[in-house]
Each structure stands twice: as C-alpha cells, then as structure tokens.
Amino acid sequence: MKAIELRELTVEELTHKMEDNRIELFNLRFQVARNLLDNPLRIRQAKKDIARILTILTEKKA
C-alpha cells in the first residue's frame, strides 16, 4: 500500500493493518523455511509495509 493511502486511514485501522502484515510476515518466514515460497521478494515488501505503517502512526501521534 502507498503512504498516501495509509495516511487516510484512522489509527485503529492502521494498527489492525499492521497486525495483519506481521502475521503475513510470520507465515512467509515459515514458507521460506519449508521452501514453499514462490516469490521471496514478498518478505521484503511486507517488512517495508510494516515500517511505512509505523512511520505514519508516529506522525499521527506527534
């Protein structure tokens, strides 16, 4: 998701989306361990999404 789209969401929606991304990252790591992951770049994207959400949450709290 792009930062512009994330800035339109509320704090509650952002925290929910961050939890979903963390669960997805957890599952992706298991798939890598079992050699089942088709697109390993998805891990990098999930990490960037989490960081983007945390940055926007910090902006909103300030």
C-alpha atoms as a PDB file:
ATOM      1  CA  MET A   1       0.000   0.000   0.000  1.00  0.00           C
ATOM      2  CA  LYS A   2       1.170   3.509  -0.696  1.00  0.00           C
ATOM      3  CA  ALA A   3       1.803   6.051   2.032  1.00  0.00           C
ATOM      4  CA  ILE A   4      -0.875   8.391   0.672  1.00  0.00           C
ATOM      5  CA  GLU A   5      -3.494   5.666   1.049  1.00  0.00           C
ATOM      6  CA  LEU A   6      -2.291   4.827   4.553  1.00  0.00           C
ATOM      7  CA  ARG A   7      -2.445   8.453   5.723  1.00  0.00           C
ATOM      8  CA  GLU A   8      -6.189   8.466   5.017  1.00  0.00           C
ATOM      9  CA  LEU A   9      -6.799   5.633   7.497  1.00  0.00           C
ATOM     10  CA  THR A  10      -7.501   6.072  11.196  1.00  0.00           C
ATOM     11  CA  VAL A  11      -5.122   4.954  13.948  1.00  0.00           C
ATOM     12  CA  GLU A  12      -7.267   1.893  14.693  1.00  0.00           C
ATOM     13  CA  GLU A  13      -7.299   0.841  11.057  1.00  0.00           C
ATOM     14  CA  LEU A  14      -3.537   1.307  10.825  1.00  0.00           C
ATOM     15  CA  THR A  15      -2.885  -0.843  13.889  1.00  0.00           C
ATOM     16  CA  HIS A  16      -5.177  -3.546  12.506  1.00  0.00           C
ATOM     17  CA  LYS A  17      -3.403  -3.436   9.145  1.00  0.00           C
ATOM     18  CA  MET A  18      -0.012  -3.633  10.900  1.00  0.00           C
ATOM     19  CA  GLU A  19      -1.110  -6.725  12.829  1.00  0.00           C
ATOM     20  CA  ASP A  20      -2.240  -8.333   9.575  1.00  0.00           C
ATOM     21  CA  ASN A  21       1.107  -7.567   7.944  1.00  0.00           C
ATOM     22  CA  ARG A  22       3.037  -9.002  10.888  1.00  0.00           C
ATOM     23  CA  ILE A  23       1.022 -12.213  10.710  1.00  0.00           C
ATOM     24  CA  GLU A  24       1.645 -12.365   6.969  1.00  0.00           C
ATOM     25  CA  LEU A  25       5.390 -11.870   7.511  1.00  0.00           C
ATOM     26  CA  PHE A  26       5.376 -14.648  10.105  1.00  0.00           C
ATOM     27  CA  ASN A  27       3.681 -17.006   7.646  1.00  0.00           C
ATOM     28  CA  LEU A  28       6.051 -16.010   4.849  1.00  0.00           C
ATOM     29  CA  ARG A  29       9.042 -16.885   7.013  1.00  0.00           C
ATOM     30  CA  PHE A  30       7.602 -20.349   7.609  1.00  0.00           C
ATOM     31  CA  GLN A  31       7.099 -20.799   3.888  1.00  0.00           C
ATOM     32  CA  VAL A  32      10.747 -19.876   3.288  1.00  0.00           C
ATOM     33  CA  ALA A  33      11.853 -22.437   5.859  1.00  0.00           C
ATOM     34  CA  ARG A  34       9.876 -25.141   4.033  1.00  0.00           C
ATOM     35  CA  ASN A  35      10.939 -23.946   0.558  1.00  0.00           C
ATOM     36  CA  LEU A  36       7.304 -23.296  -0.399  1.00  0.00           C
ATOM     37  CA  LEU A  37       7.534 -19.572  -1.115  1.00  0.00           C
ATOM     38  CA  ASP A  38       7.151 -18.694  -4.777  1.00  0.00           C
ATOM     39  CA  ASN A  39       8.055 -15.006  -4.513  1.00  0.00           C
ATOM     40  CA  PRO A  40      10.791 -14.318  -1.925  1.00  0.00           C
ATOM     41  CA  LEU A  41      10.582 -10.580  -2.603  1.00  0.00           C
ATOM     42  CA  ARG A  42       7.224 -10.612  -0.814  1.00  0.00           C
ATOM     43  CA  ILE A  43       9.100 -10.757   2.511  1.00  0.00           C
ATOM     44  CA  ARG A  44      10.879  -7.505   1.726  1.00  0.00           C
ATOM     45  CA  GLN A  45       7.595  -5.877   0.719  1.00  0.00           C
ATOM     46  CA  ALA A  46       5.906  -6.987   3.942  1.00  0.00           C
ATOM     47  CA  LYS A  47       8.737  -5.505   6.013  1.00  0.00           C
ATOM     48  CA  LYS A  48       8.514  -2.221   4.135  1.00  0.00           C
ATOM     49  CA  ASP A  49       4.750  -2.095   4.631  1.00  0.00           C
ATOM     50  CA  ILE A  50       5.176  -2.572   8.387  1.00  0.00           C
ATOM     51  CA  ALA A  51       7.812   0.165   8.536  1.00  0.00           C
ATOM     52  CA  ARG A  52       5.618   2.507   6.478  1.00  0.00           C
ATOM     53  CA  ILE A  53       2.673   1.954   8.821  1.00  0.00           C
ATOM     54  CA  LEU A  54       4.827   2.534  11.908  1.00  0.00           C
ATOM     55  CA  THR A  55       6.140   5.772  10.414  1.00  0.00           C
ATOM     56  CA  ILE A  56       2.631   7.060   9.725  1.00  0.00           C
ATOM     57  CA  LEU A  57       1.468   6.040  13.203  1.00  0.00           C
ATOM     58  CA  THR A  58       4.340   8.057  14.676  1.00  0.00           C
ATOM     59  CA  GLU A  59       3.394  11.043  12.525  1.00  0.00           C
ATOM     60  CA  LYS A  60      -0.202  10.866  13.676  1.00  0.00           C
ATOM     61  CA  LYS A  61       0.760  10.686  17.346  1.00  0.00           C
ATOM     62  CA  ALA A  62       3.001  13.753  17.089  1.00  0.00           C
END
